[in-house]
Amino acid sequence: MNDLVDEIKKMNRLLALVLVKDLKTNDKFIALNDAGYQPKEIAEILNTTANTVRVTLSNARKKKK
């Protein structure tokens, strides 16, 4: 069962990377967040930290106002 879960996680990561492949880094964070990914998940997908994702999303929200 763990193998199946691992494979699904890999596929999910690949699909997320395809979704954002042509975007700039900040736009990748926003797109993945809009797609329903949590900061921790986004960080794992894009090889960064969850805190970096949170700060970037927060700054994007502030800039949007």
N, C-alpha and C. Protein backbone atom coordinates (compact mmCIF):
# COMPACT_ATOMS: atom_id res chain seq x y z
N MET A 1 0.82 -1.20 0.00
CA MET A 1 0.00 0.00 0.00
C MET A 1 0.86 1.26 0.00
N ASN A 2 1.98 1.24 0.74
CA ASN A 2 2.87 2.40 0.78
C ASN A 2 3.46 2.70 -0.59
N ASP A 3 3.72 1.65 -1.37
CA ASP A 3 4.26 1.85 -2.71
C ASP A 3 3.27 2.62 -3.58
N LEU A 4 2.01 2.29 -3.46
CA LEU A 4 0.97 2.96 -4.23
C LEU A 4 0.88 4.44 -3.83
N VAL A 5 0.91 4.70 -2.54
CA VAL A 5 0.86 6.08 -2.05
C VAL A 5 2.07 6.85 -2.54
N ASP A 6 3.24 6.25 -2.51
CA ASP A 6 4.45 6.90 -3.01
C ASP A 6 4.35 7.22 -4.49
N GLU A 7 3.82 6.29 -5.26
CA GLU A 7 3.66 6.51 -6.69
C GLU A 7 2.67 7.64 -6.97
N ILE A 8 1.60 7.69 -6.22
CA ILE A 8 0.61 8.76 -6.39
C ILE A 8 1.24 10.11 -6.05
N LYS A 9 2.04 10.15 -5.00
CA LYS A 9 2.73 11.40 -4.63
C LYS A 9 3.67 11.84 -5.73
N LYS A 10 4.40 10.90 -6.33
CA LYS A 10 5.31 11.23 -7.43
C LYS A 10 4.54 11.80 -8.62
N MET A 11 3.44 11.16 -8.96
CA MET A 11 2.63 11.61 -10.08
C MET A 11 2.05 13.00 -9.81
N ASN A 12 1.62 13.22 -8.59
CA ASN A 12 1.08 14.51 -8.20
C ASN A 12 2.15 15.60 -8.35
N ARG A 13 3.36 15.29 -7.92
CA ARG A 13 4.47 16.25 -8.04
C ARG A 13 4.77 16.55 -9.50
N LEU A 14 4.80 15.53 -10.33
CA LEU A 14 5.06 15.74 -11.75
C LEU A 14 3.97 16.59 -12.40
N LEU A 15 2.74 16.32 -12.07
CA LEU A 15 1.64 17.11 -12.62
C LEU A 15 1.74 18.57 -12.18
N ALA A 16 2.10 18.79 -10.93
CA ALA A 16 2.25 20.15 -10.42
C ALA A 16 3.38 20.86 -11.16
N LEU A 17 4.49 20.17 -11.40
CA LEU A 17 5.61 20.78 -12.11
C LEU A 17 5.23 21.13 -13.55
N VAL A 18 4.44 20.30 -14.18
CA VAL A 18 3.97 20.58 -15.54
C VAL A 18 3.06 21.82 -15.52
N LEU A 19 2.24 21.93 -14.50
CA LEU A 19 1.32 23.06 -14.37
C LEU A 19 2.06 24.39 -14.36
N VAL A 20 3.23 24.43 -13.73
CA VAL A 20 3.92 25.70 -13.51
C VAL A 20 5.24 25.83 -14.30
N LYS A 21 5.49 24.94 -15.22
CA LYS A 21 6.82 24.89 -15.85
C LYS A 21 7.24 26.19 -16.54
N ASP A 22 6.33 26.96 -17.08
CA ASP A 22 6.69 28.17 -17.82
C ASP A 22 6.51 29.44 -17.01
N LEU A 23 6.26 29.31 -15.72
CA LEU A 23 6.02 30.48 -14.88
C LEU A 23 7.27 30.90 -14.13
N LYS A 24 7.30 32.17 -13.74
CA LYS A 24 8.37 32.66 -12.86
C LYS A 24 8.14 32.08 -11.47
N THR A 25 9.18 32.09 -10.64
CA THR A 25 9.11 31.43 -9.33
C THR A 25 7.93 31.90 -8.49
N ASN A 26 7.76 33.20 -8.32
CA ASN A 26 6.66 33.69 -7.49
C ASN A 26 5.31 33.27 -8.06
N ASP A 27 5.20 33.30 -9.38
CA ASP A 27 3.95 32.88 -10.03
C ASP A 27 3.70 31.39 -9.84
N LYS A 28 4.77 30.61 -9.73
CA LYS A 28 4.61 29.17 -9.47
C LYS A 28 3.97 28.96 -8.11
N PHE A 29 4.46 29.71 -7.11
CA PHE A 29 3.90 29.59 -5.76
C PHE A 29 2.41 29.92 -5.78
N ILE A 30 2.07 31.01 -6.45
CA ILE A 30 0.67 31.47 -6.50
C ILE A 30 -0.20 30.45 -7.24
N ALA A 31 0.27 29.97 -8.38
CA ALA A 31 -0.51 29.01 -9.17
C ALA A 31 -0.76 27.73 -8.39
N LEU A 32 0.26 27.23 -7.72
CA LEU A 32 0.09 25.99 -6.96
C LEU A 32 -0.83 26.21 -5.76
N ASN A 33 -0.71 27.37 -5.13
CA ASN A 33 -1.60 27.69 -4.02
C ASN A 33 -3.05 27.79 -4.51
N ASP A 34 -3.24 28.43 -5.64
CA ASP A 34 -4.59 28.53 -6.23
C ASP A 34 -5.14 27.17 -6.62
N ALA A 35 -4.24 26.24 -6.94
CA ALA A 35 -4.66 24.87 -7.30
C ALA A 35 -4.97 24.02 -6.07
N GLY A 36 -4.76 24.60 -4.88
CA GLY A 36 -5.13 23.89 -3.67
C GLY A 36 -3.98 23.29 -2.88
N TYR A 37 -2.77 23.50 -3.32
CA TYR A 37 -1.62 22.97 -2.59
C TYR A 37 -1.32 23.84 -1.37
N GLN A 38 -0.90 23.22 -0.30
CA GLN A 38 -0.51 23.91 0.93
C GLN A 38 0.96 24.33 0.81
N PRO A 39 1.37 25.35 1.59
CA PRO A 39 2.76 25.81 1.51
C PRO A 39 3.80 24.69 1.66
N LYS A 40 3.55 23.76 2.56
CA LYS A 40 4.49 22.65 2.75
C LYS A 40 4.59 21.81 1.48
N GLU A 41 3.47 21.56 0.84
CA GLU A 41 3.46 20.78 -0.40
C GLU A 41 4.17 21.54 -1.53
N ILE A 42 3.90 22.83 -1.62
CA ILE A 42 4.53 23.65 -2.65
C ILE A 42 6.05 23.64 -2.45
N ALA A 43 6.47 23.77 -1.20
CA ALA A 43 7.90 23.77 -0.88
C ALA A 43 8.55 22.46 -1.31
N GLU A 44 7.89 21.35 -1.07
CA GLU A 44 8.43 20.05 -1.47
C GLU A 44 8.51 19.93 -2.98
N ILE A 45 7.50 20.42 -3.67
CA ILE A 45 7.47 20.34 -5.13
C ILE A 45 8.58 21.18 -5.75
N LEU A 46 8.78 22.38 -5.20
CA LEU A 46 9.72 23.34 -5.79
C LEU A 46 11.07 23.41 -5.08
N ASN A 47 11.31 22.46 -4.20
CA ASN A 47 12.59 22.37 -3.48
C ASN A 47 12.97 23.67 -2.78
N THR A 48 12.08 24.15 -1.96
CA THR A 48 12.34 25.32 -1.13
C THR A 48 11.75 25.07 0.24
N THR A 49 11.64 26.11 1.06
CA THR A 49 11.07 25.91 2.40
C THR A 49 9.64 26.40 2.43
N ALA A 50 8.88 25.85 3.35
CA ALA A 50 7.49 26.26 3.51
C ALA A 50 7.43 27.73 3.93
N ASN A 51 8.40 28.18 4.71
CA ASN A 51 8.42 29.58 5.14
C ASN A 51 8.61 30.51 3.94
N THR A 52 9.47 30.14 3.02
CA THR A 52 9.67 30.94 1.81
C THR A 52 8.37 31.05 1.03
N VAL A 53 7.66 29.95 0.93
CA VAL A 53 6.38 29.93 0.21
C VAL A 53 5.38 30.84 0.91
N ARG A 54 5.27 30.72 2.23
CA ARG A 54 4.32 31.55 3.00
C ARG A 54 4.62 33.04 2.83
N VAL A 55 5.88 33.40 2.94
CA VAL A 55 6.27 34.81 2.81
C VAL A 55 5.96 35.33 1.41
N THR A 56 6.29 34.54 0.41
CA THR A 56 6.03 34.95 -0.98
C THR A 56 4.54 35.12 -1.22
N LEU A 57 3.74 34.19 -0.73
CA LEU A 57 2.29 34.29 -0.91
C LEU A 57 1.73 35.49 -0.16
N SER A 58 2.25 35.74 1.03
CA SER A 58 1.81 36.89 1.82
C SER A 58 2.14 38.20 1.10
N ASN A 59 3.36 38.29 0.58
CA ASN A 59 3.76 39.49 -0.17
C ASN A 59 2.91 39.68 -1.42
N ALA A 60 2.57 38.58 -2.08
CA ALA A 60 1.74 38.66 -3.28
C ALA A 60 0.34 39.17 -2.92
N ARG A 61 -0.19 38.72 -1.79
CA ARG A 61 -1.52 39.19 -1.36
C ARG A 61 -1.49 40.67 -1.03
N LYS A 62 -0.43 41.12 -0.36
CA LYS A 62 -0.28 42.53 0.00
C LYS A 62 -0.16 43.39 -1.25
N LYS A 63 0.60 42.90 -2.22
CA LYS A 63 0.81 43.63 -3.48
C LYS A 63 -0.49 43.74 -4.27
N LYS A 64 -1.33 42.72 -4.15
CA LYS A 64 -2.59 42.67 -4.88
C LYS A 64 -3.59 43.72 -4.41
N LYS A 65 -3.48 44.09 -3.11
CA LYS A 65 -4.42 45.06 -2.53
C LYS A 65 -4.23 46.43 -3.03
